Amino acid sequence: MISESMTSSTIDRRNTLLSKIDLSRQQPNSQQQDIKELTKFQKNIRNFHIFSLILFFFLFMSVAYSFIRMFKNLD
C-alpha cells in the first residue's frame, strides 16, 4: 500500500513536471524570437544606411561649400 501510493505520487509529480516543460511550446517561441531578432537586425541595418547617407550628404555639402568659398576668395 505504501509503495503504491509513493509510486503514484512520483508518477503524478513526473507528469506535472512534463506538462510544465512542454517542449512543443518552446520551439515556436524560439522561432518567433529568431524572427523578431531578424526584423530588429534588418531595421538596424536600414537605420545605419540612412544615417550613413545623411552623414555623407552633409560632408559632401561642407566640402562643396568650402570649394565655393575658396573660389570666391580668389577673385
C-alpha atoms as a PDB file:
ATOM      1  CA  MET A   1       0.000   0.000   0.000  1.00  0.00           C
ATOM      2  CA  ILE A   2       2.691   2.484   0.973  1.00  0.00           C
ATOM      3  CA  SER A   3       4.824   1.705  -2.042  1.00  0.00           C
ATOM      4  CA  GLU A   4       1.769   2.010  -4.294  1.00  0.00           C
ATOM      5  CA  SER A   5       0.928   5.489  -3.037  1.00  0.00           C
ATOM      6  CA  MET A   6       4.559   6.553  -3.275  1.00  0.00           C
ATOM      7  CA  THR A   7       4.727   5.312  -6.825  1.00  0.00           C
ATOM      8  CA  SER A   8       1.544   7.096  -7.838  1.00  0.00           C
ATOM      9  CA  SER A   9       2.723  10.335  -6.231  1.00  0.00           C
ATOM     10  CA  THR A  10       6.037  10.024  -8.057  1.00  0.00           C
ATOM     11  CA  ILE A  11       4.193   9.483 -11.333  1.00  0.00           C
ATOM     12  CA  ASP A  12       1.941  12.470 -10.627  1.00  0.00           C
ATOM     13  CA  ARG A  13       4.943  14.678  -9.943  1.00  0.00           C
ATOM     14  CA  ARG A  14       6.637  13.455 -13.090  1.00  0.00           C
ATOM     15  CA  ASN A  15       3.521  14.167 -15.160  1.00  0.00           C
ATOM     16  CA  THR A  16       3.168  17.667 -13.771  1.00  0.00           C
ATOM     17  CA  LEU A  17       6.837  18.363 -14.465  1.00  0.00           C
ATOM     18  CA  LEU A  18       6.493  17.134 -18.030  1.00  0.00           C
ATOM     19  CA  SER A  19       3.395  19.233 -18.579  1.00  0.00           C
ATOM     20  CA  LYS A  20       5.216  22.291 -17.228  1.00  0.00           C
ATOM     21  CA  ILE A  21       8.155  21.754 -19.564  1.00  0.00           C
ATOM     22  CA  ASP A  22       6.012  21.120 -22.680  1.00  0.00           C
ATOM     23  CA  LEU A  23       8.751  21.051 -25.285  1.00  0.00           C
ATOM     24  CA  SER A  24       6.374  21.713 -28.163  1.00  0.00           C
ATOM     25  CA  ARG A  25       5.705  25.225 -26.816  1.00  0.00           C
ATOM     26  CA  GLN A  26       9.378  26.106 -26.686  1.00  0.00           C
ATOM     27  CA  GLN A  27      10.140  25.697 -30.390  1.00  0.00           C
ATOM     28  CA  PRO A  28       7.690  28.281 -31.740  1.00  0.00           C
ATOM     29  CA  ASN A  29       8.916  30.690 -29.095  1.00  0.00           C
ATOM     30  CA  SER A  30      12.497  30.278 -30.272  1.00  0.00           C
ATOM     31  CA  GLN A  31      11.382  30.624 -33.889  1.00  0.00           C
ATOM     32  CA  GLN A  32       9.406  33.732 -33.033  1.00  0.00           C
ATOM     33  CA  GLN A  33      12.410  35.089 -31.183  1.00  0.00           C
ATOM     34  CA  ASP A  34      14.595  34.429 -34.246  1.00  0.00           C
ATOM     35  CA  ILE A  35      12.093  36.253 -36.447  1.00  0.00           C
ATOM     36  CA  LYS A  36      11.998  39.200 -34.034  1.00  0.00           C
ATOM     37  CA  GLU A  37      15.800  39.334 -33.944  1.00  0.00           C
ATOM     38  CA  LEU A  38      15.955  39.190 -37.735  1.00  0.00           C
ATOM     39  CA  THR A  39      13.485  42.040 -38.157  1.00  0.00           C
ATOM     40  CA  LYS A  40      15.330  44.042 -35.489  1.00  0.00           C
ATOM     41  CA  PHE A  41      18.622  43.399 -37.322  1.00  0.00           C
ATOM     42  CA  GLN A  42      17.104  44.454 -40.650  1.00  0.00           C
ATOM     43  CA  LYS A  43      15.690  47.609 -39.073  1.00  0.00           C
ATOM     44  CA  ASN A  44      19.078  48.422 -37.537  1.00  0.00           C
ATOM     45  CA  ILE A  45      20.831  47.923 -40.889  1.00  0.00           C
ATOM     46  CA  ARG A  46      18.285  50.173 -42.629  1.00  0.00           C
ATOM     47  CA  ASN A  47      18.720  52.864 -39.985  1.00  0.00           C
ATOM     48  CA  PHE A  48      22.501  52.616 -40.307  1.00  0.00           C
ATOM     49  CA  HIS A  49      22.268  53.056 -44.088  1.00  0.00           C
ATOM     50  CA  ILE A  50      20.030  56.101 -43.694  1.00  0.00           C
ATOM     51  CA  PHE A  51      22.402  57.591 -41.115  1.00  0.00           C
ATOM     52  CA  SER A  52      25.472  56.996 -43.296  1.00  0.00           C
ATOM     53  CA  LEU A  53      23.764  58.542 -46.354  1.00  0.00           C
ATOM     54  CA  ILE A  54      22.796  61.646 -44.392  1.00  0.00           C
ATOM     55  CA  LEU A  55      26.319  61.904 -42.971  1.00  0.00           C
ATOM     56  CA  PHE A  56      27.845  61.546 -46.454  1.00  0.00           C
ATOM     57  CA  PHE A  57      25.458  64.201 -47.802  1.00  0.00           C
ATOM     58  CA  PHE A  58      26.446  66.734 -45.131  1.00  0.00           C
ATOM     59  CA  LEU A  59      30.148  66.009 -45.598  1.00  0.00           C
ATOM     60  CA  PHE A  60      29.787  66.446 -49.357  1.00  0.00           C
ATOM     61  CA  MET A  61      27.891  69.707 -48.892  1.00  0.00           C
ATOM     62  CA  SER A  62      30.529  71.063 -46.495  1.00  0.00           C
ATOM     63  CA  VAL A  63      33.344  70.235 -48.929  1.00  0.00           C
ATOM     64  CA  ALA A  64      31.401  71.825 -51.799  1.00  0.00           C
ATOM     65  CA  TYR A  65      30.757  74.934 -49.685  1.00  0.00           C
ATOM     66  CA  SER A  66      34.462  75.143 -48.840  1.00  0.00           C
ATOM     67  CA  PHE A  67      35.402  74.993 -52.531  1.00  0.00           C
ATOM     68  CA  ILE A  68      32.823  77.656 -53.396  1.00  0.00           C
ATOM     69  CA  ARG A  69      34.205  79.983 -50.716  1.00  0.00           C
ATOM     70  CA  MET A  70      37.754  79.277 -51.870  1.00  0.00           C
ATOM     71  CA  PHE A  71      36.939  80.186 -55.496  1.00  0.00           C
ATOM     72  CA  LYS A  72      35.061  83.337 -54.437  1.00  0.00           C
ATOM     73  CA  ASN A  73      38.056  84.481 -52.381  1.00  0.00           C
ATOM     74  CA  LEU A  74      40.360  84.096 -55.414  1.00  0.00           C
ATOM     75  CA  ASP A  75      38.544  86.872 -57.286  1.00  0.00           C
END
